[in-house]
Every structure is written in C-alpha cells, then in structure tokens.
C-alpha cells in the first residue's frame, strides 16, 4: 500500500471485506452495500454505506524523516435499518469483521458508534455511524 494511493487502497479493502462478510451478519435480510449515498428511490433496507476515508499524519519536526510518519486512518460506515435488531446485528458484524480481518498494513486502534433515529418521508429509519480508527506507520 503506497501513500499516493492510500485512501483508495484502504477504501477498496474495507469495501471488499464488508462485501465478503455481510451475508454472515445474521440480519433478517442481507444488507445492501453502497459506496456512497444511493438515490432514495432505489435504496433497500437494511443497508451499509461506506464513507470516504480520512487520513491524518503525525506532526513533523526539523530533521524528521518524513517517510516514516505515523498515519491515522479513519473509516466511517453508516448503517440504516427499519429494525433496531438488524441495526445492532449488522453493527456487531461489522465490528467483528474488522477485529478479526486485518486491513493490510494497519492496526485497528479504536471503534466508536453513534446511533440516531431519522424520519425522511415518514420512513422511520434507525441509523448508526461506526467509526473505525486505524494506525499505520
């Protein structure tokens, strides 16, 4: 994994890991996987949306070799469901996927989640954003 393609490489690995494991999460229906927000008219539930990857780098000092900086990579994944049970099952499945399957060259250091209820056009959806933070040297 090269720095010049880091975001794209991480995104592809994350997407592929989820795609190959989502059927085993145990939800009432296998979640649809999207690489961004789909058109509201064609979306199916439950679903998983992989957001763009954020990369942060450690601060440099004078005489620091910039080729060995520590990078923090943040991957946010949003889950939408009509059922609380499916939301929790899919979220647990995603967390398990990243705990047992290493994303190449990175170490999982933090997982946070934020749950909310949204009601666009009276759909009454539950949403959870899972944020996975990795470290890469």
Protein backbone atom coordinates (compact mmCIF):
# COMPACT_ATOMS: atom_id res chain seq x y z
CA UNK A 1 0.00 0.00 0.00
CA UNK A 2 1.60 3.25 -1.15
CA UNK A 3 0.97 6.71 0.29
CA UNK A 4 -0.06 8.08 -3.10
CA UNK A 5 -2.99 5.64 -3.29
CA UNK A 6 -3.58 5.13 0.44
CA UNK A 7 -7.19 6.37 0.60
CA UNK A 8 -8.24 4.38 -2.45
CA UNK A 9 -6.43 1.23 -1.31
CA UNK A 10 -7.97 1.37 2.16
CA UNK A 11 -11.44 2.07 0.75
CA UNK A 12 -11.22 -0.92 -1.62
CA UNK A 13 -10.04 -3.26 1.14
CA UNK A 14 -12.77 -2.10 3.52
CA UNK A 15 -15.47 -2.41 0.87
CA UNK A 16 -14.27 -5.89 -0.16
CA UNK A 17 -14.10 -7.10 3.47
CA UNK A 18 -17.64 -5.96 4.16
CA UNK A 19 -18.95 -7.34 0.88
CA UNK A 20 -17.48 -10.78 1.53
CA UNK A 21 -18.78 -10.95 5.13
CA UNK A 22 -22.14 -9.12 5.14
CA UNK A 23 -24.24 -12.22 4.41
CA UNK A 24 -22.98 -13.82 7.64
CA UNK A 25 -24.03 -10.94 9.91
CA UNK A 26 -27.36 -12.63 10.70
CA UNK A 27 -29.76 -9.78 9.96
CA UNK A 28 -33.31 -10.61 8.85
CA UNK A 29 -32.12 -9.81 5.31
CA UNK A 30 -28.58 -9.49 3.93
CA UNK A 31 -27.79 -5.77 3.92
CA UNK A 32 -27.20 -3.90 0.68
CA UNK A 33 -23.75 -2.34 0.40
CA UNK A 34 -23.26 1.10 -1.14
CA UNK A 35 -20.13 3.11 -1.85
CA UNK A 36 -21.92 6.37 -1.08
CA UNK A 37 -25.46 7.59 -0.59
CA UNK A 38 -27.74 5.97 -3.18
CA UNK A 39 -30.81 7.52 -4.72
CA UNK A 40 -33.59 7.42 -2.15
CA UNK A 41 -35.95 5.89 -4.72
CA UNK A 42 -33.77 2.82 -5.32
CA UNK A 43 -32.37 2.18 -1.85
CA UNK A 44 -33.10 -1.04 0.02
CA UNK A 45 -33.01 -1.68 3.76
CA UNK A 46 -31.09 -2.68 5.73
CA UNK A 47 -28.01 -1.19 4.16
CA UNK A 48 -24.39 -0.31 4.76
CA UNK A 49 -22.80 2.82 3.33
CA UNK A 50 -19.01 3.17 3.26
CA UNK A 51 -17.94 6.79 3.56
CA UNK A 52 -14.74 8.33 2.10
CA UNK A 53 -11.54 7.56 4.03
CA UNK A 54 -9.86 10.28 6.12
CA UNK A 55 -6.10 10.27 6.69
CA UNK A 56 -4.17 12.28 9.29
CA UNK A 57 -0.41 12.39 9.73
CA UNK A 58 1.73 12.94 12.80
CA UNK A 59 3.43 16.29 13.13
CA UNK A 60 6.92 16.65 11.71
CA UNK A 61 9.88 18.28 13.40
CA UNK A 62 13.11 19.56 11.93
CA UNK A 63 15.33 16.71 10.72
CA UNK A 64 12.46 14.23 10.81
CA UNK A 65 12.44 11.53 8.17
CA UNK A 66 9.03 12.18 6.64
CA UNK A 67 8.87 8.73 5.04
CA UNK A 68 8.18 7.10 8.43
CA UNK A 69 5.46 9.30 9.87
CA UNK A 70 2.56 7.75 11.72
CA UNK A 71 -0.75 7.97 9.90
CA UNK A 72 -4.19 7.78 11.45
CA UNK A 73 -6.79 6.41 9.06
CA UNK A 74 -10.47 6.88 9.86
CA UNK A 75 -13.16 4.87 8.11
CA UNK A 76 -16.78 5.78 8.80
CA UNK A 77 -19.53 3.35 7.93
CA UNK A 78 -23.22 4.18 8.21
CA UNK A 79 -25.87 1.52 8.71
CA UNK A 80 -29.57 2.14 8.06
CA UNK A 81 -32.36 -0.20 9.07
CA UNK A 82 -36.05 -0.18 9.83
CA UNK A 83 -35.50 -2.60 12.74
CA UNK A 84 -33.39 -1.96 15.85
CA UNK A 85 -32.42 -5.62 15.96
CA UNK A 86 -30.97 -5.56 12.42
CA UNK A 87 -29.12 -2.33 13.18
CA UNK A 88 -27.39 -3.91 16.18
CA UNK A 89 -26.71 -7.24 14.45
CA UNK A 90 -25.14 -5.56 11.40
CA UNK A 91 -23.11 -3.19 13.59
CA UNK A 92 -21.77 -6.10 15.64
CA UNK A 93 -20.96 -7.97 12.43
CA UNK A 94 -19.04 -5.00 11.02
CA UNK A 95 -17.06 -4.57 14.23
CA UNK A 96 -16.25 -8.29 14.31
CA UNK A 97 -15.16 -8.19 10.64
CA UNK A 98 -12.54 -5.53 11.36
CA UNK A 99 -11.36 -7.12 14.59
CA UNK A 100 -10.60 -10.49 13.01
CA UNK A 101 -9.59 -9.40 9.49
CA UNK A 102 -6.64 -7.09 9.33
CA UNK A 103 -6.71 -4.31 6.76
CA UNK A 104 -3.30 -4.64 5.10
CA UNK A 105 -0.55 -2.75 6.93
CA UNK A 106 -2.84 -1.16 9.52
CA UNK A 107 -3.80 -1.77 13.14
CA UNK A 108 -7.29 -1.16 14.48
CA UNK A 109 -6.94 1.16 17.49
CA UNK A 110 -10.46 2.47 18.15
CA UNK A 111 -14.13 1.85 17.34
CA UNK A 112 -16.87 4.34 18.17
CA UNK A 113 -20.54 4.41 17.28
CA UNK A 114 -23.35 6.92 17.25
CA UNK A 115 -27.00 5.86 16.97
CA UNK A 116 -29.83 8.06 15.76
CA UNK A 117 -33.41 7.92 14.57
CA UNK A 118 -34.32 9.68 11.33
CA UNK A 119 -37.63 10.02 9.55
CA UNK A 120 -37.27 11.12 5.93
CA UNK A 121 -40.65 10.94 4.20
CA UNK A 122 -42.04 9.06 7.22
CA UNK A 123 -39.76 6.03 6.66
CA UNK A 124 -38.81 5.88 10.37
CA UNK A 125 -35.25 4.64 9.96
CA UNK A 126 -32.68 3.80 12.55
CA UNK A 127 -29.12 4.81 11.75
CA UNK A 128 -25.77 4.03 13.29
CA UNK A 129 -22.42 5.51 12.29
CA UNK A 130 -19.47 3.29 13.14
CA UNK A 131 -16.07 4.95 13.07
CA UNK A 132 -13.05 2.67 12.79
CA UNK A 133 -9.68 4.27 13.51
CA UNK A 134 -6.54 2.56 12.29
CA UNK A 135 -2.87 3.39 12.71
CA UNK A 136 -0.27 2.93 10.00
CA UNK A 137 3.42 3.54 10.18
